[in-house]
Full PDB file with SEQRES, HELIX, SHEET, SSBOND, CRYST1, ORIGX, SCALE, CONECT and MASTER records, all heavy atoms in Angstrom:
SEQRES   1 A   28  LEU SER GLY TRP ILE ARG GLN ILE HIS SER TYR LEU THR          
SEQRES   2 A   28  GLY ASN LEU GLY ILE HIS ILE TRP ILE SER TYR ALA ILE          
SEQRES   3 A   28  PHE PHE                                                      
HELIX    1 AA1 SER A    2  SER A   10  1                                   9    
HELIX    2 AA2 TYR A   11  ASN A   15  3                                   5    
HELIX    3 AA3 ILE A   20  PHE A   27  1                                   8    
CRYST1    1.000    1.000    1.000  90.00  90.00  90.00 P 1           1          
ORIGX1      1.000000  0.000000  0.000000        0.00000                         
ORIGX2      0.000000  1.000000  0.000000        0.00000                         
ORIGX3      0.000000  0.000000  1.000000        0.00000                         
SCALE1      1.000000  0.000000  0.000000        0.00000                         
SCALE2      0.000000  1.000000  0.000000        0.00000                         
SCALE3      0.000000  0.000000  1.000000        0.00000                         
ATOM      1  N   LEU A   1     -62.458  30.324 139.391  1.00  0.00           N  
ATOM      2  CA  LEU A   1     -62.324  28.871 139.444  1.00  0.00           C  
ATOM      3  C   LEU A   1     -63.265  28.197 138.444  1.00  0.00           C  
ATOM      4  O   LEU A   1     -62.869  27.279 137.732  1.00  0.00           O  
ATOM      5  CB  LEU A   1     -62.599  28.355 140.853  1.00  0.00           C  
ATOM      6  CG  LEU A   1     -62.556  26.836 141.043  1.00  0.00           C  
ATOM      7  CD1 LEU A   1     -61.154  26.301 140.744  1.00  0.00           C  
ATOM      8  CD2 LEU A   1     -62.994  26.467 142.452  1.00  0.00           C  
ATOM      9  N   SER A   2     -64.500  28.685 138.374  1.00  0.00           N  
ATOM     10  CA  SER A   2     -65.452  28.080 137.434  1.00  0.00           C  
ATOM     11  C   SER A   2     -65.008  28.289 135.989  1.00  0.00           C  
ATOM     12  O   SER A   2     -65.156  27.407 135.144  1.00  0.00           O  
ATOM     13  CB  SER A   2     -66.864  28.617 137.650  1.00  0.00           C  
ATOM     14  OG  SER A   2     -66.961  29.963 137.238  1.00  0.00           O  
ATOM     15  N   GLY A   3     -64.431  29.446 135.694  1.00  0.00           N  
ATOM     16  CA  GLY A   3     -63.898  29.687 134.345  1.00  0.00           C  
ATOM     17  C   GLY A   3     -62.726  28.778 134.033  1.00  0.00           C  
ATOM     18  O   GLY A   3     -62.599  28.258 132.920  1.00  0.00           O  
ATOM     19  N   TRP A   4     -61.878  28.555 135.028  1.00  0.00           N  
ATOM     20  CA  TRP A   4     -60.731  27.664 134.876  1.00  0.00           C  
ATOM     21  C   TRP A   4     -61.192  26.232 134.622  1.00  0.00           C  
ATOM     22  O   TRP A   4     -60.680  25.539 133.753  1.00  0.00           O  
ATOM     23  CB  TRP A   4     -59.862  27.777 136.127  1.00  0.00           C  
ATOM     24  CG  TRP A   4     -58.604  26.996 136.099  1.00  0.00           C  
ATOM     25  CD1 TRP A   4     -57.508  27.224 135.311  1.00  0.00           C  
ATOM     26  CD2 TRP A   4     -58.302  25.849 136.901  1.00  0.00           C  
ATOM     27  NE1 TRP A   4     -56.541  26.295 135.590  1.00  0.00           N  
ATOM     28  CE2 TRP A   4     -57.002  25.434 136.564  1.00  0.00           C  
ATOM     29  CE3 TRP A   4     -58.998  25.145 137.875  1.00  0.00           C  
ATOM     30  CZ2 TRP A   4     -56.393  24.349 137.156  1.00  0.00           C  
ATOM     31  CZ3 TRP A   4     -58.384  24.062 138.464  1.00  0.00           C  
ATOM     32  CH2 TRP A   4     -57.104  23.677 138.108  1.00  0.00           C  
ATOM     33  N   ILE A   5     -62.199  25.788 135.378  1.00  0.00           N  
ATOM     34  CA  ILE A   5     -62.751  24.441 135.196  1.00  0.00           C  
ATOM     35  C   ILE A   5     -63.362  24.297 133.801  1.00  0.00           C  
ATOM     36  O   ILE A   5     -63.186  23.285 133.128  1.00  0.00           O  
ATOM     37  CB  ILE A   5     -63.777  24.116 136.300  1.00  0.00           C  
ATOM     38  CG1 ILE A   5     -63.044  23.938 137.634  1.00  0.00           C  
ATOM     39  CG2 ILE A   5     -64.594  22.875 135.962  1.00  0.00           C  
ATOM     40  CD1 ILE A   5     -63.961  23.847 138.835  1.00  0.00           C  
ATOM     41  N   ARG A   6     -64.067  25.331 133.358  1.00  0.00           N  
ATOM     42  CA  ARG A   6     -64.668  25.303 132.024  1.00  0.00           C  
ATOM     43  C   ARG A   6     -63.584  25.203 130.940  1.00  0.00           C  
ATOM     44  O   ARG A   6     -63.741  24.483 129.958  1.00  0.00           O  
ATOM     45  CB  ARG A   6     -65.527  26.555 131.823  1.00  0.00           C  
ATOM     46  CG  ARG A   6     -66.377  26.538 130.588  1.00  0.00           C  
ATOM     47  CD  ARG A   6     -67.399  27.670 130.508  1.00  0.00           C  
ATOM     48  NE  ARG A   6     -66.928  28.957 130.955  1.00  0.00           N  
ATOM     49  CZ  ARG A   6     -67.350  29.572 132.061  1.00  0.00           C  
ATOM     50  NH1 ARG A   6     -68.247  29.016 132.828  1.00  0.00           N  
ATOM     51  NH2 ARG A   6     -66.877  30.761 132.403  1.00  0.00           N  
ATOM     52  N   GLN A   7     -62.464  25.907 131.123  1.00  0.00           N  
ATOM     53  CA  GLN A   7     -61.364  25.832 130.161  1.00  0.00           C  
ATOM     54  C   GLN A   7     -60.749  24.431 130.126  1.00  0.00           C  
ATOM     55  O   GLN A   7     -60.426  23.917 129.046  1.00  0.00           O  
ATOM     56  CB  GLN A   7     -60.289  26.860 130.493  1.00  0.00           C  
ATOM     57  CG  GLN A   7     -60.690  28.275 130.170  1.00  0.00           C  
ATOM     58  CD  GLN A   7     -59.619  29.271 130.582  1.00  0.00           C  
ATOM     59  OE1 GLN A   7     -58.764  28.990 131.408  1.00  0.00           O  
ATOM     60  NE2 GLN A   7     -59.693  30.465 130.015  1.00  0.00           N  
ATOM     61  N   ILE A   8     -60.573  23.837 131.304  1.00  0.00           N  
ATOM     62  CA  ILE A   8     -60.018  22.474 131.357  1.00  0.00           C  
ATOM     63  C   ILE A   8     -60.968  21.501 130.671  1.00  0.00           C  
ATOM     64  O   ILE A   8     -60.542  20.642 129.890  1.00  0.00           O  
ATOM     65  CB  ILE A   8     -59.748  22.045 132.817  1.00  0.00           C  
ATOM     66  CG1 ILE A   8     -58.600  22.866 133.396  1.00  0.00           C  
ATOM     67  CG2 ILE A   8     -59.419  20.559 132.896  1.00  0.00           C  
ATOM     68  CD1 ILE A   8     -58.385  22.649 134.875  1.00  0.00           C  
ATOM     69  N   HIS A   9     -62.263  21.630 130.951  1.00  0.00           N  
ATOM     70  CA  HIS A   9     -63.259  20.761 130.322  1.00  0.00           C  
ATOM     71  C   HIS A   9     -63.210  20.911 128.791  1.00  0.00           C  
ATOM     72  O   HIS A   9     -63.232  19.915 128.056  1.00  0.00           O  
ATOM     73  CB  HIS A   9     -64.651  21.080 130.861  1.00  0.00           C  
ATOM     74  CG  HIS A   9     -65.747  20.311 130.204  1.00  0.00           C  
ATOM     75  ND1 HIS A   9     -65.929  18.959 130.399  1.00  0.00           N  
ATOM     76  CD2 HIS A   9     -66.715  20.711 129.335  1.00  0.00           C  
ATOM     77  CE1 HIS A   9     -66.959  18.554 129.686  1.00  0.00           C  
ATOM     78  NE2 HIS A   9     -67.459  19.603 129.030  1.00  0.00           N  
ATOM     79  N   SER A  10     -63.130  22.148 128.309  1.00  0.00           N  
ATOM     80  CA  SER A  10     -63.058  22.389 126.864  1.00  0.00           C  
ATOM     81  C   SER A  10     -61.789  21.790 126.274  1.00  0.00           C  
ATOM     82  O   SER A  10     -61.813  21.228 125.173  1.00  0.00           O  
ATOM     83  CB  SER A  10     -63.096  23.890 126.571  1.00  0.00           C  
ATOM     84  OG  SER A  10     -64.326  24.420 126.950  1.00  0.00           O  
ATOM     85  N   TYR A  11     -60.685  21.877 126.995  1.00  0.00           N  
ATOM     86  CA  TYR A  11     -59.428  21.298 126.527  1.00  0.00           C  
ATOM     87  C   TYR A  11     -59.532  19.772 126.440  1.00  0.00           C  
ATOM     88  O   TYR A  11     -59.123  19.167 125.450  1.00  0.00           O  
ATOM     89  CB  TYR A  11     -58.278  21.706 127.448  1.00  0.00           C  
ATOM     90  CG  TYR A  11     -56.960  21.081 127.063  1.00  0.00           C  
ATOM     91  CD1 TYR A  11     -56.241  21.565 125.974  1.00  0.00           C  
ATOM     92  CD2 TYR A  11     -56.442  20.009 127.778  1.00  0.00           C  
ATOM     93  CE1 TYR A  11     -55.036  20.979 125.602  1.00  0.00           C  
ATOM     94  CE2 TYR A  11     -55.238  19.417 127.425  1.00  0.00           C  
ATOM     95  CZ  TYR A  11     -54.539  19.913 126.330  1.00  0.00           C  
ATOM     96  OH  TYR A  11     -53.353  19.330 125.969  1.00  0.00           O  
ATOM     97  N   LEU A  12     -60.091  19.179 127.502  1.00  0.00           N  
ATOM     98  CA  LEU A  12     -60.215  17.719 127.519  1.00  0.00           C  
ATOM     99  C   LEU A  12     -61.110  17.214 126.395  1.00  0.00           C  
ATOM    100  O   LEU A  12     -60.796  16.235 125.725  1.00  0.00           O  
ATOM    101  CB  LEU A  12     -60.761  17.246 128.867  1.00  0.00           C  
ATOM    102  CG  LEU A  12     -59.847  17.398 130.083  1.00  0.00           C  
ATOM    103  CD1 LEU A  12     -60.585  17.019 131.367  1.00  0.00           C  
ATOM    104  CD2 LEU A  12     -58.591  16.563 129.925  1.00  0.00           C  
ATOM    105  N   THR A  13     -62.245  17.872 126.201  1.00  0.00           N  
ATOM    106  CA  THR A  13     -63.205  17.399 125.199  1.00  0.00           C  
ATOM    107  C   THR A  13     -62.852  17.859 123.787  1.00  0.00           C  
ATOM    108  O   THR A  13     -63.038  17.112 122.831  1.00  0.00           O  
ATOM    109  CB  THR A  13     -64.634  17.849 125.547  1.00  0.00           C  
ATOM    110  OG1 THR A  13     -64.665  19.277 125.637  1.00  0.00           O  
ATOM    111  CG2 THR A  13     -65.104  17.226 126.844  1.00  0.00           C  
ATOM    112  N   GLY A  14     -62.357  19.084 123.653  1.00  0.00           N  
ATOM    113  CA  GLY A  14     -62.069  19.626 122.326  1.00  0.00           C  
ATOM    114  C   GLY A  14     -60.715  19.224 121.781  1.00  0.00           C  
ATOM    115  O   GLY A  14     -60.615  18.679 120.678  1.00  0.00           O  
ATOM    116  N   ASN A  15     -59.672  19.469 122.546  1.00  0.00           N  
ATOM    117  CA  ASN A  15     -58.309  19.220 122.058  1.00  0.00           C  
ATOM    118  C   ASN A  15     -57.901  17.757 122.162  1.00  0.00           C  
ATOM    119  O   ASN A  15     -57.249  17.229 121.264  1.00  0.00           O  
ATOM    120  CB  ASN A  15     -57.304  20.088 122.823  1.00  0.00           C  
ATOM    121  CG  ASN A  15     -57.508  21.556 122.542  1.00  0.00           C  
ATOM    122  OD1 ASN A  15     -58.450  21.950 121.878  1.00  0.00           O  
ATOM    123  ND2 ASN A  15     -56.624  22.381 123.067  1.00  0.00           N  
ATOM    124  N   LEU A  16     -58.260  17.126 123.275  1.00  0.00           N  
ATOM    125  CA  LEU A  16     -57.850  15.731 123.462  1.00  0.00           C  
ATOM    126  C   LEU A  16     -58.883  14.734 122.961  1.00  0.00           C  
ATOM    127  O   LEU A  16     -58.601  13.536 122.887  1.00  0.00           O  
ATOM    128  CB  LEU A  16     -57.555  15.466 124.948  1.00  0.00           C  
ATOM    129  CG  LEU A  16     -56.425  16.292 125.570  1.00  0.00           C  
ATOM    130  CD1 LEU A  16     -56.228  15.911 127.021  1.00  0.00           C  
ATOM    131  CD2 LEU A  16     -55.128  16.120 124.790  1.00  0.00           C  
ATOM    132  N   GLY A  17     -60.081  15.208 122.653  1.00  0.00           N  
ATOM    133  CA  GLY A  17     -61.120  14.333 122.108  1.00  0.00           C  
ATOM    134  C   GLY A  17     -61.737  13.386 123.117  1.00  0.00           C  
ATOM    135  O   GLY A  17     -62.335  12.376 122.737  1.00  0.00           O  
ATOM    136  N   ILE A  18     -61.626  13.698 124.397  1.00  0.00           N  
ATOM    137  CA  ILE A  18     -62.211  12.851 125.444  1.00  0.00           C  
ATOM    138  C   ILE A  18     -63.724  13.071 125.460  1.00  0.00           C  
ATOM    139  O   ILE A  18     -64.197  14.194 125.315  1.00  0.00           O  
ATOM    140  CB  ILE A  18     -61.589  13.185 126.816  1.00  0.00           C  
ATOM    141  CG1 ILE A  18     -60.113  12.800 126.825  1.00  0.00           C  
ATOM    142  CG2 ILE A  18     -62.325  12.504 127.951  1.00  0.00           C  
ATOM    143  CD1 ILE A  18     -59.362  13.205 128.072  1.00  0.00           C  
ATOM    144  N   HIS A  19     -64.473  12.005 125.621  1.00  0.00           N  
ATOM    145  CA  HIS A  19     -65.929  12.095 125.678  1.00  0.00           C  
ATOM    146  C   HIS A  19     -66.343  12.956 126.876  1.00  0.00           C  
ATOM    147  O   HIS A  19     -65.681  12.956 127.911  1.00  0.00           O  
ATOM    148  CB  HIS A  19     -66.547  10.692 125.780  1.00  0.00           C  
ATOM    149  CG  HIS A  19     -68.026  10.690 125.549  1.00  0.00           C  
ATOM    150  ND1 HIS A  19     -68.923  10.905 126.559  1.00  0.00           N  
ATOM    151  CD2 HIS A  19     -68.758  10.524 124.411  1.00  0.00           C  
ATOM    152  CE1 HIS A  19     -70.143  10.865 126.070  1.00  0.00           C  
ATOM    153  NE2 HIS A  19     -70.066  10.633 124.753  1.00  0.00           N  
ATOM    154  N   ILE A  20     -67.448  13.669 126.720  1.00  0.00           N  
ATOM    155  CA  ILE A  20     -67.930  14.587 127.763  1.00  0.00           C  
ATOM    156  C   ILE A  20     -68.106  13.873 129.099  1.00  0.00           C  
ATOM    157  O   ILE A  20     -67.706  14.393 130.148  1.00  0.00           O  
ATOM    158  CB  ILE A  20     -69.252  15.253 127.321  1.00  0.00           C  
ATOM    159  CG1 ILE A  20     -68.988  16.238 126.179  1.00  0.00           C  
ATOM    160  CG2 ILE A  20     -69.915  15.978 128.480  1.00  0.00           C  
ATOM    161  CD1 ILE A  20     -70.217  16.821 125.560  1.00  0.00           C  
ATOM    162  N   TRP A  21     -68.689  12.697 129.085  1.00  0.00           N  
ATOM    163  CA  TRP A  21     -68.957  11.989 130.337  1.00  0.00           C  
ATOM    164  C   TRP A  21     -67.676  11.539 131.026  1.00  0.00           C  
ATOM    165  O   TRP A  21     -67.604  11.475 132.255  1.00  0.00           O  
ATOM    166  CB  TRP A  21     -69.900  10.805 130.109  1.00  0.00           C  
ATOM    167  CG  TRP A  21     -71.287  11.300 129.813  1.00  0.00           C  
ATOM    168  CD1 TRP A  21     -71.911  11.320 128.607  1.00  0.00           C  
ATOM    169  CD2 TRP A  21     -72.191  11.902 130.749  1.00  0.00           C  
ATOM    170  NE1 TRP A  21     -73.156  11.883 128.721  1.00  0.00           N  
ATOM    171  CE2 TRP A  21     -73.359  12.251 130.031  1.00  0.00           C  
ATOM    172  CE3 TRP A  21     -72.140  12.182 132.108  1.00  0.00           C  
ATOM    173  CZ2 TRP A  21     -74.451  12.857 130.633  1.00  0.00           C  
ATOM    174  CZ3 TRP A  21     -73.234  12.790 132.704  1.00  0.00           C  
ATOM    175  CH2 TRP A  21     -74.368  13.113 131.960  1.00  0.00           C  
ATOM    176  N   ILE A  22     -66.650  11.252 130.255  1.00  0.00           N  
ATOM    177  CA  ILE A  22     -65.355  10.900 130.852  1.00  0.00           C  
ATOM    178  C   ILE A  22     -64.745  12.133 131.519  1.00  0.00           C  
ATOM    179  O   ILE A  22     -64.169  12.054 132.615  1.00  0.00           O  
ATOM    180  CB  ILE A  22     -64.406  10.290 129.799  1.00  0.00           C  
ATOM    181  CG1 ILE A  22     -64.970   8.948 129.318  1.00  0.00           C  
ATOM    182  CG2 ILE A  22     -62.999  10.110 130.363  1.00  0.00           C  
ATOM    183  CD1 ILE A  22     -64.201   8.327 128.168  1.00  0.00           C  
ATOM    184  N   SER A  23     -64.897  13.297 130.876  1.00  0.00           N  
ATOM    185  CA  SER A  23     -64.435  14.548 131.481  1.00  0.00           C  
ATOM    186  C   SER A  23     -65.156  14.797 132.802  1.00  0.00           C  
ATOM    187  O   SER A  23     -64.539  15.171 133.805  1.00  0.00           O  
ATOM    188  CB  SER A  23     -64.666  15.714 130.521  1.00  0.00           C  
ATOM    189  OG  SER A  23     -64.337  16.934 131.136  1.00  0.00           O  
ATOM    190  N   TYR A  24     -66.477  14.569 132.817  1.00  0.00           N  
ATOM    191  CA  TYR A  24     -67.239  14.729 134.063  1.00  0.00           C  
ATOM    192  C   TYR A  24     -66.733  13.762 135.131  1.00  0.00           C  
ATOM    193  O   TYR A  24     -66.618  14.129 136.305  1.00  0.00           O  
ATOM    194  CB  TYR A  24     -68.724  14.487 133.829  1.00  0.00           C  
ATOM    195  CG  TYR A  24     -69.423  15.538 132.999  1.00  0.00           C  
ATOM    196  CD1 TYR A  24     -70.607  15.237 132.344  1.00  0.00           C  
ATOM    197  CD2 TYR A  24     -68.929  16.826 132.869  1.00  0.00           C  
ATOM    198  CE1 TYR A  24     -71.282  16.181 131.584  1.00  0.00           C  
ATOM    199  CE2 TYR A  24     -69.580  17.776 132.113  1.00  0.00           C  
ATOM    200  CZ  TYR A  24     -70.751  17.449 131.471  1.00  0.00           C  
ATOM    201  OH  TYR A  24     -71.410  18.386 130.731  1.00  0.00           O  
ATOM    202  N   ALA A  25     -66.421  12.549 134.726  1.00  0.00           N  
ATOM    203  CA  ALA A  25     -65.911  11.549 135.673  1.00  0.00           C  
ATOM    204  C   ALA A  25     -64.561  11.991 136.240  1.00  0.00           C  
ATOM    205  O   ALA A  25     -64.291  11.817 137.437  1.00  0.00           O  
ATOM    206  CB  ALA A  25     -65.794  10.181 135.000  1.00  0.00           C  
ATOM    207  N   ILE A  26     -63.729  12.574 135.410  1.00  0.00           N  
ATOM    208  CA  ILE A  26     -62.425  13.070 135.872  1.00  0.00           C  
ATOM    209  C   ILE A  26     -62.626  14.159 136.922  1.00  0.00           C  
ATOM    210  O   ILE A  26     -61.980  14.155 137.980  1.00  0.00           O  
ATOM    211  CB  ILE A  26     -61.580  13.577 134.683  1.00  0.00           C  
ATOM    212  CG1 ILE A  26     -61.144  12.402 133.811  1.00  0.00           C  
ATOM    213  CG2 ILE A  26     -60.377  14.379 135.175  1.00  0.00           C  
ATOM    214  CD1 ILE A  26     -60.516  12.809 132.488  1.00  0.00           C  
ATOM    215  N   PHE A  27     -63.546  15.090 136.655  1.00  0.00           N  
ATOM    216  CA  PHE A  27     -63.813  16.159 137.627  1.00  0.00           C  
ATOM    217  C   PHE A  27     -64.437  15.598 138.904  1.00  0.00           C  
ATOM    218  O   PHE A  27     -64.135  16.065 140.008  1.00  0.00           O  
ATOM    219  CB  PHE A  27     -64.717  17.242 137.024  1.00  0.00           C  
ATOM    220  CG  PHE A  27     -63.976  18.179 136.122  1.00  0.00           C  
ATOM    221  CD1 PHE A  27     -64.164  18.155 134.754  1.00  0.00           C  
ATOM    222  CD2 PHE A  27     -63.072  19.087 136.642  1.00  0.00           C  
ATOM    223  CE1 PHE A  27     -63.471  19.017 133.926  1.00  0.00           C  
ATOM    224  CE2 PHE A  27     -62.377  19.962 135.830  1.00  0.00           C  
ATOM    225  CZ  PHE A  27     -62.573  19.922 134.462  1.00  0.00           C  
ATOM    226  N   PHE A  28     -65.295  14.604 138.770  1.00  0.00           N  
ATOM    227  CA  PHE A  28     -65.891  13.969 139.942  1.00  0.00           C  
ATOM    228  C   PHE A  28     -64.812  13.343 140.818  1.00  0.00           C  
ATOM    229  O   PHE A  28     -64.772  13.543 142.031  1.00  0.00           O  
ATOM    230  CB  PHE A  28     -66.934  12.923 139.521  1.00  0.00           C  
ATOM    231  CG  PHE A  28     -67.473  12.119 140.659  1.00  0.00           C  
ATOM    232  CD1 PHE A  28     -68.412  12.659 141.517  1.00  0.00           C  
ATOM    233  CD2 PHE A  28     -67.025  10.825 140.895  1.00  0.00           C  
ATOM    234  CE1 PHE A  28     -68.906  11.932 142.585  1.00  0.00           C  
ATOM    235  CE2 PHE A  28     -67.514  10.080 141.956  1.00  0.00           C  
ATOM    236  CZ  PHE A  28     -68.460  10.644 142.806  1.00  0.00           C  
TER     237      PHE A  28                                                      
MASTER        0    0    0    3    0    0    0    6  236    1    0    3          
END                                                                             
């Protein structure tokens, strides 16, 4: 699960260009 979450975070920030803090907010 943690690896899956890390992949989603990398996709959001790397591929979609979403700011890191917005990605954290999405997970929150």
